[in-house]
Amino acid sequence: MRQWTIDAFASAPFKGNPACVVEPFDAWPESGWMQALAGENNQAETAFLLRTDDPARFGLRWMTPTIEVPLCGHATLASAHTLFEELGVEVPALAFDTQSGALGVRRAGGRLEMDFPADRPRRIEAPAGLAEALGVQPIEVWAGRFLVAVLGDEDEVRGLKPDLAALRTISSAATQGRGNVGVAALAAPGDAYDVVDRFFAPGSGIPEDPATGGLHCSLGPLFADKLDKPVLRFHQAYPGRGGDIETEAAGDRVLLRGKAVTVAESRLRV
């Protein structure tokens, strides 16, 4: 059985967010085996696919090295890239059945476009201890699936060295979720993108994620409202890599667009 390592939301190899994608199964393996393989791969996510009678439809599950997650954008992009480019699936669009419902992916020019549920956050008062945990005072705080801190400028986002244990506790209490935190700010004038952001995910066993589709299900609608622009360009400023994501707010859905690159193919012996 084969698997591929795909850099998702990447402008070139070794950019964006790597995900492992396992060749589709005819029946789901035991969950413990999949979790063990995800731990062995030690990427932010490993994606597992299930064939159906419809050549355009697949079951899809995602696992971090420590837990199964209900939604993962970059590993969905990586899965679609694998099916289209590595396995030669010839369909106009793909449908994935997931814990978060049906997700669609289609080719859009030189990119892939994913149709995801929007997660419109609500504005809240800054939780106690958040500024200390971040090391900077946020100008706004929002809560959805994740806690989102809006900062004053791009340099503050890029310079963060947060207290991850504190962030996990604060975010979990504020959102009743796992304890993950996104930070974002308007990009500096002249940048090739509108917003710069980062995502810290200690509640999912990931100190910092390089490019996060799920975060942009919140950031896309949030900044579309702020800037009165439905289509926005985001740069997730993970040090040394960086990911590029375009969003389009569409009511209760959000379209996420990006590129993907295959960097490795391997063969499992277990």
Protein backbone atom coordinates (compact mmCIF):
# COMPACT_ATOMS: atom_id res chain seq x y z
CA MET A 1 0.00 0.00 0.00
CA ARG A 2 1.28 3.43 -0.97
CA GLN A 3 1.14 6.80 0.70
CA TRP A 4 2.19 10.24 -0.43
CA THR A 5 3.50 13.31 1.35
CA ILE A 6 1.86 16.40 -0.08
CA ASP A 7 2.69 20.02 0.70
CA ALA A 8 -0.70 21.77 0.76
CA PHE A 9 -1.38 25.50 0.38
CA ALA A 10 2.16 25.57 -1.00
CA SER A 11 3.66 27.76 -3.70
CA ALA A 12 6.61 25.34 -4.06
CA PRO A 13 8.01 22.18 -2.42
CA PHE A 14 8.84 22.54 1.29
CA LYS A 15 6.28 25.32 1.69
CA GLY A 16 2.74 25.17 3.03
CA ASN A 17 1.66 22.31 5.28
CA PRO A 18 2.72 18.69 4.71
CA ALA A 19 0.14 15.91 5.01
CA CYS A 20 0.43 12.20 4.42
CA VAL A 21 -2.31 10.67 2.26
CA VAL A 22 -2.79 6.90 2.31
CA GLU A 23 -3.98 5.01 -0.78
CA PRO A 24 -7.79 4.49 -0.58
CA PHE A 25 -9.12 1.49 1.34
CA ASP A 26 -12.08 -0.73 0.42
CA ALA A 27 -13.08 -0.85 4.13
CA TRP A 28 -11.94 1.25 7.06
CA PRO A 29 -9.02 -0.27 8.97
CA GLU A 30 -9.17 -0.44 12.76
CA SER A 31 -8.97 3.08 14.20
CA GLY A 32 -6.06 2.23 16.48
CA TRP A 33 -3.99 1.11 13.49
CA MET A 34 -4.72 4.37 11.66
CA GLN A 35 -3.80 6.39 14.75
CA ALA A 36 -0.55 4.44 15.09
CA LEU A 37 0.33 5.16 11.46
CA ALA A 38 -0.43 8.86 11.95
CA GLY A 39 1.90 8.85 14.95
CA GLU A 40 4.58 7.11 12.88
CA ASN A 41 4.22 9.67 10.08
CA ASN A 42 4.41 12.49 12.65
CA GLN A 43 2.89 15.08 10.31
CA ALA A 44 0.19 17.50 11.38
CA GLU A 45 -2.33 15.17 9.71
CA THR A 46 -2.49 11.84 7.97
CA ALA A 47 -5.51 11.47 5.67
CA PHE A 48 -7.30 8.15 5.17
CA LEU A 49 -9.60 7.58 2.19
CA LEU A 50 -12.39 5.06 1.63
CA ARG A 51 -13.60 4.04 -1.84
CA THR A 52 -17.32 4.05 -2.61
CA ASP A 53 -19.37 2.86 -5.59
CA ASP A 54 -19.19 6.41 -6.94
CA PRO A 55 -15.74 7.13 -8.49
CA ALA A 56 -16.07 10.79 -7.48
CA ARG A 57 -16.99 10.12 -3.82
CA PHE A 58 -14.73 8.99 -0.98
CA GLY A 59 -14.91 8.67 2.76
CA LEU A 60 -12.26 10.82 4.44
CA ARG A 61 -10.83 10.82 7.96
CA TRP A 62 -7.96 12.83 9.42
CA MET A 63 -5.63 12.05 12.31
CA THR A 64 -2.92 14.10 13.98
CA PRO A 65 -0.10 12.17 15.68
CA THR A 66 -2.31 11.95 18.79
CA ILE A 67 -6.03 12.32 17.94
CA GLU A 68 -8.65 12.07 15.19
CA VAL A 69 -10.01 15.50 14.21
CA PRO A 70 -13.44 16.38 12.75
CA LEU A 71 -12.18 18.78 10.07
CA CYS A 72 -8.86 19.42 8.35
CA GLY A 73 -8.46 21.72 5.37
CA HIS A 74 -4.89 21.11 4.26
CA ALA A 75 -5.20 17.32 4.38
CA THR A 76 -8.43 17.56 2.35
CA LEU A 77 -6.57 19.60 -0.25
CA ALA A 78 -3.76 17.03 -0.14
CA SER A 79 -6.25 14.17 -0.57
CA ALA A 80 -7.84 15.79 -3.61
CA HIS A 81 -4.41 16.47 -5.12
CA THR A 82 -3.46 12.82 -4.60
CA LEU A 83 -6.63 11.53 -6.25
CA PHE A 84 -6.38 13.91 -9.20
CA GLU A 85 -2.62 13.92 -9.79
CA GLU A 86 -1.24 10.66 -8.39
CA LEU A 87 -4.13 8.24 -8.92
CA GLY A 88 -5.56 9.80 -12.08
CA VAL A 89 -9.18 10.13 -10.94
CA GLU A 90 -10.95 11.76 -13.89
CA VAL A 91 -14.02 13.53 -12.53
CA PRO A 92 -15.12 17.19 -12.62
CA ALA A 93 -15.23 17.40 -8.82
CA LEU A 94 -14.68 15.23 -5.75
CA ALA A 95 -17.00 14.73 -2.80
CA PHE A 96 -15.72 13.64 0.61
CA ASP A 97 -17.94 12.22 3.34
CA THR A 98 -16.53 13.35 6.69
CA GLN A 99 -17.44 13.96 10.32
CA SER A 100 -18.15 17.57 9.28
CA GLY A 101 -20.52 16.58 6.48
CA ALA A 102 -19.96 16.48 2.74
CA LEU A 103 -17.01 18.50 1.46
CA GLY A 104 -16.46 19.28 -2.21
CA VAL A 105 -13.21 19.92 -4.09
CA ARG A 106 -12.79 20.92 -7.72
CA ARG A 107 -10.04 22.19 -9.97
CA ALA A 108 -10.04 25.97 -10.33
CA GLY A 109 -7.42 27.12 -12.81
CA GLY A 110 -4.05 26.08 -11.42
CA ARG A 111 -5.43 25.62 -7.92
CA LEU A 112 -7.90 23.44 -6.05
CA GLU A 113 -11.07 24.93 -4.58
CA MET A 114 -12.65 23.43 -1.46
CA ASP A 115 -16.24 24.06 -0.38
CA PHE A 116 -16.31 24.07 3.44
CA PRO A 117 -18.82 25.09 6.12
CA ALA A 118 -18.17 28.61 7.40
CA ASP A 119 -17.44 29.02 11.10
CA ARG A 120 -18.42 32.62 11.76
CA PRO A 121 -16.93 33.61 15.12
CA ARG A 122 -18.54 35.87 17.71
CA ARG A 123 -16.69 38.74 19.36
CA ILE A 124 -15.93 38.24 23.05
CA GLU A 125 -14.05 40.03 25.80
CA ALA A 126 -10.40 39.05 25.95
CA PRO A 127 -10.10 36.13 28.39
CA ALA A 128 -7.98 36.68 31.47
CA GLY A 129 -4.34 35.84 30.83
CA LEU A 130 -4.57 35.82 27.01
CA ALA A 131 -2.34 38.87 26.50
CA GLU A 132 0.28 37.41 28.85
CA ALA A 133 0.14 34.03 27.09
CA LEU A 134 0.56 35.64 23.67
CA GLY A 135 3.11 38.20 24.82
CA VAL A 136 1.13 40.97 23.09
CA GLN A 137 -2.18 42.74 23.70
CA PRO A 138 -4.85 41.74 21.11
CA ILE A 139 -7.09 44.51 19.80
CA GLU A 140 -10.03 42.10 19.35
CA VAL A 141 -10.83 38.53 20.40
CA TRP A 142 -13.31 36.25 18.64
CA ALA A 143 -14.52 32.75 19.42
CA GLY A 144 -15.75 29.97 17.15
CA ARG A 145 -14.31 26.48 16.94
CA PHE A 146 -11.05 28.21 17.88
CA LEU A 147 -10.12 31.34 19.76
CA VAL A 148 -9.01 34.08 17.34
CA ALA A 149 -6.92 37.05 18.47
CA VAL A 150 -6.71 40.01 16.09
CA LEU A 151 -3.43 41.87 16.56
CA GLY A 152 -2.32 45.36 15.67
CA ASP A 153 0.02 44.61 12.79
CA GLU A 154 1.84 41.95 10.79
CA ASP A 155 5.08 42.26 12.76
CA GLU A 156 3.28 41.31 15.97
CA VAL A 157 1.91 38.17 14.32
CA ARG A 158 5.28 37.14 12.93
CA GLY A 159 7.13 37.81 16.18
CA LEU A 160 4.94 35.74 18.51
CA LYS A 161 6.51 33.20 20.86
CA PRO A 162 3.48 32.27 22.96
CA ASP A 163 3.09 30.16 26.08
CA LEU A 164 1.40 27.16 24.47
CA ALA A 165 0.26 25.48 27.67
CA ALA A 166 -1.44 28.68 28.79
CA LEU A 167 -3.03 29.21 25.37
CA ARG A 168 -4.51 25.72 25.47
CA THR A 169 -6.12 26.29 28.86
CA ILE A 170 -7.44 29.76 28.00
CA SER A 171 -8.84 28.78 24.60
CA SER A 172 -10.44 25.60 25.86
CA ALA A 173 -12.29 27.53 28.56
CA ALA A 174 -13.44 30.24 26.13
CA THR A 175 -14.60 27.98 23.27
CA GLN A 176 -15.35 24.69 25.05
CA GLY A 177 -13.07 23.22 22.39
CA ARG A 178 -9.68 21.53 22.40
CA GLY A 179 -7.70 24.68 23.12
CA ASN A 180 -6.32 26.01 19.83
CA VAL A 181 -5.67 29.66 18.94
CA GLY A 182 -5.42 31.60 15.70
CA VAL A 183 -3.86 35.05 15.48
CA ALA A 184 -4.24 37.46 12.57
CA ALA A 185 -3.60 41.03 11.49
CA LEU A 186 -3.97 43.09 8.35
CA ALA A 187 -0.95 42.71 6.10
CA ALA A 188 1.55 45.52 5.70
CA PRO A 189 0.90 47.90 2.78
CA GLY A 190 2.32 46.54 -0.47
CA ASP A 191 2.17 42.88 0.56
CA ALA A 192 0.81 40.35 -1.95
CA TYR A 193 -1.86 39.29 0.54
CA ASP A 194 -4.55 40.96 2.63
CA VAL A 195 -4.11 39.26 6.01
CA VAL A 196 -1.27 37.47 7.78
CA ASP A 197 -1.98 34.84 10.41
CA ARG A 198 -0.64 31.94 12.46
CA PHE A 199 -2.25 28.98 14.22
CA PHE A 200 -1.19 27.37 17.49
CA ALA A 201 -2.81 23.98 18.10
CA PRO A 202 -1.52 22.49 21.38
CA GLY A 203 -4.98 21.03 22.01
CA SER A 204 -4.55 18.85 18.92
CA GLY A 205 -0.98 17.84 19.73
CA ILE A 206 0.55 20.35 17.28
CA PRO A 207 2.54 23.28 18.71
CA GLU A 208 2.08 25.34 15.53
CA ASP A 209 0.40 24.36 12.26
CA PRO A 210 1.97 25.67 9.04
CA ALA A 211 -1.20 26.20 6.93
CA THR A 212 -4.68 25.59 8.32
CA GLY A 213 -7.82 25.40 6.21
CA GLY A 214 -10.12 25.12 9.23
CA LEU A 215 -8.84 28.37 10.72
CA HIS A 216 -9.70 30.20 7.51
CA CYS A 217 -13.31 29.00 7.74
CA SER A 218 -13.43 31.61 10.52
CA LEU A 219 -10.91 34.17 9.26
CA GLY A 220 -12.40 34.32 5.76
CA PRO A 221 -15.88 35.47 6.86
CA LEU A 222 -14.47 37.61 9.68
CA PHE A 223 -12.15 39.67 7.48
CA ALA A 224 -14.59 39.68 4.55
CA ASP A 225 -16.92 41.62 6.84
CA LYS A 226 -14.14 43.85 8.14
CA LEU A 227 -12.79 44.75 4.70
CA ASP A 228 -16.07 44.50 2.78
CA LYS A 229 -14.40 42.11 0.32
CA PRO A 230 -15.73 38.57 -0.24
CA VAL A 231 -12.44 37.31 -1.74
CA LEU A 232 -9.29 37.63 0.36
CA ARG A 233 -5.69 36.44 0.22
CA PHE A 234 -4.18 35.10 3.43
CA HIS A 235 -0.59 34.24 4.24
CA GLN A 236 -0.08 31.90 7.18
CA ALA A 237 3.33 32.92 8.44
CA TYR A 238 4.72 29.72 9.92
CA PRO A 239 8.45 30.40 10.33
CA GLY A 240 10.49 28.96 7.48
CA ARG A 241 7.56 27.68 5.40
CA GLY A 242 4.47 29.84 4.99
CA GLY A 243 1.19 28.89 3.36
CA ASP A 244 -1.02 30.80 0.93
CA ILE A 245 -4.81 30.50 1.09
CA GLU A 246 -7.48 32.41 -0.81
CA THR A 247 -10.95 32.53 0.72
CA GLU A 248 -14.33 33.52 -0.66
CA ALA A 249 -17.18 34.06 1.77
CA ALA A 250 -20.42 32.52 0.48
CA GLY A 251 -23.08 32.75 3.18
CA ASP A 252 -22.89 29.71 5.42
CA ARG A 253 -20.08 28.27 3.27
CA VAL A 254 -16.54 29.40 2.54
CA LEU A 255 -14.47 28.54 -0.51
CA LEU A 256 -10.78 27.85 0.17
CA ARG A 257 -8.34 27.90 -2.75
CA GLY A 258 -4.72 26.82 -2.88
CA LYS A 259 -2.05 24.78 -4.59
CA ALA A 260 -0.46 21.48 -3.59
CA VAL A 261 2.82 19.75 -4.44
CA THR A 262 3.80 16.08 -4.11
CA VAL A 263 7.16 15.77 -2.37
CA ALA A 264 7.38 12.03 -1.60
CA GLU A 265 5.85 8.64 -2.39
CA SER A 266 6.40 5.72 -0.05
CA ARG A 267 5.24 2.12 0.34
CA LEU A 268 3.88 0.80 3.60
CA ARG A 269 5.12 -2.64 4.70
CA VAL A 270 2.60 -3.06 7.53
